[in-house]
Each structure stands twice: as C-alpha cells, then as structure tokens.
Amino acid sequence: MPKVPMQRLNINLSKDMLDKLNAVCEELGCPRSSYIAMALKQKFQSDEVMSKFPEMMSSMSEMIALAKSMKDNEALLTESVSDPE
C-alpha cells in the first residue's frame, strides 16, 4: 500500500482528556497521533452512516407499506377464490 503523506496538526485538550488519551495509548502501545487519527476515521465513518439514516428509514417505511399492501391483496384474492359469489 502506498504511503500517504501526513500533515502536522496541533490541538488543545483538557488535562482530563489528555490523561485519558495517554492511558489508552499506553495500554494499547500506540502513539497518540495514531490513536487520534484512528478515532477521527471511525467518527467520519459513523457520521457518513448517520447521514444516510433518514434515507434508510424512508426506504424501510416504503418496504413495510409494500409488504402490507401485498398481504392485503393476497387476503382479498384468497377471499374471492374461496367465496366466488
């Protein structure tokens, strides 16, 4: 895999956040910058999924309505076949 050029970034964190970051990185044995980059990547992926959530819910509602309509049509067809008037 080709190496991606990196850019330097300076951030300000509260002491509490920095202490937590240091503890996690020490436990995992990874550099802080790697952990922060990984966390941001996961956040971006999560944001992308959540941005599509309304569209997914709309599609799901349409599928439920279609399934209900098909079930209702099946019931009507069954009634008309069993009771030919």
Protein backbone atom coordinates (compact mmCIF):
# COMPACT_ATOMS: atom_id res chain seq x y z
CA MET A 1 0.00 0.00 0.00
CA PRO A 2 1.45 3.40 -0.93
CA LYS A 3 2.38 5.64 1.95
CA VAL A 4 0.03 8.60 2.36
CA PRO A 5 1.74 11.94 3.06
CA MET A 6 0.92 13.23 6.53
CA GLN A 7 0.27 16.76 7.76
CA ARG A 8 1.07 18.02 11.24
CA LEU A 9 -1.76 19.24 13.47
CA ASN A 10 -1.63 20.89 16.88
CA ILE A 11 -4.64 20.54 19.17
CA ASN A 12 -5.57 21.72 22.63
CA LEU A 13 -7.03 19.18 25.07
CA SER A 14 -8.16 19.44 28.66
CA LYS A 15 -5.89 17.74 31.19
CA ASP A 16 -8.57 15.11 31.75
CA MET A 17 -8.79 14.29 28.03
CA LEU A 18 -5.02 14.19 27.70
CA ASP A 19 -4.73 11.88 30.72
CA LYS A 20 -7.34 9.52 29.22
CA LEU A 21 -5.62 9.63 25.84
CA ASN A 22 -2.26 8.85 27.41
CA ALA A 23 -3.72 5.96 29.43
CA VAL A 24 -5.42 4.39 26.40
CA CYS A 25 -2.36 4.78 24.21
CA GLU A 26 -0.11 3.31 26.89
CA GLU A 27 -2.47 0.34 27.27
CA LEU A 28 -2.63 -0.22 23.50
CA GLY A 29 1.02 0.56 22.92
CA CYS A 30 0.33 3.04 20.15
CA PRO A 31 1.35 6.65 19.56
CA ARG A 32 -1.18 9.34 20.43
CA SER A 33 -1.25 10.64 16.87
CA SER A 34 -2.11 7.15 15.55
CA TYR A 35 -4.91 6.76 18.09
CA ILE A 36 -6.34 10.20 17.32
CA ALA A 37 -6.19 9.52 13.55
CA MET A 38 -7.95 6.17 14.05
CA ALA A 39 -10.63 7.76 16.27
CA LEU A 40 -11.26 10.50 13.70
CA LYS A 41 -11.52 7.95 10.89
CA GLN A 42 -14.13 6.00 12.88
CA LYS A 43 -16.03 9.21 13.64
CA PHE A 44 -16.08 10.20 9.96
CA GLN A 45 -17.38 6.74 9.01
CA SER A 46 -20.05 6.94 11.71
CA ASP A 47 -21.11 10.40 10.53
CA GLU A 48 -21.41 9.11 6.95
CA VAL A 49 -23.65 6.23 8.05
CA MET A 50 -25.80 8.53 10.19
CA SER A 51 -26.19 11.00 7.31
CA LYS A 52 -27.80 8.17 5.30
CA PHE A 53 -30.07 7.10 8.16
CA PRO A 54 -33.12 9.20 7.12
CA GLU A 55 -32.92 7.75 3.60
CA MET A 56 -32.65 4.21 5.00
CA MET A 57 -35.66 4.78 7.28
CA SER A 58 -37.69 6.13 4.36
CA SER A 59 -36.82 3.07 2.27
CA MET A 60 -37.73 0.80 5.16
CA SER A 61 -41.11 2.53 5.55
CA GLU A 62 -41.76 2.09 1.83
CA MET A 63 -40.89 -1.62 2.05
CA ILE A 64 -43.20 -2.10 5.05
CA ALA A 65 -46.05 -0.35 3.20
CA LEU A 66 -45.44 -2.52 0.13
CA ALA A 67 -45.38 -5.71 2.22
CA LYS A 68 -48.65 -4.69 3.92
CA SER A 69 -50.24 -3.93 0.55
CA MET A 70 -49.12 -7.30 -0.81
CA LYS A 71 -50.53 -9.06 2.26
CA ASP A 72 -53.85 -7.18 1.91
CA ASN A 73 -54.02 -8.06 -1.80
CA GLU A 74 -53.28 -11.70 -1.01
CA ALA A 75 -56.09 -11.74 1.57
CA LEU A 76 -58.53 -10.22 -0.94
CA LEU A 77 -57.51 -12.74 -3.59
CA THR A 78 -57.93 -15.63 -1.15
CA GLU A 79 -61.40 -14.36 -0.17
CA SER A 80 -62.52 -14.00 -3.79
CA VAL A 81 -61.29 -17.51 -4.68
CA SER A 82 -62.94 -19.18 -1.68
CA ASP A 83 -66.20 -17.17 -1.99
CA PRO A 84 -66.97 -16.83 -5.73
CA GLU A 85 -70.41 -15.20 -5.01
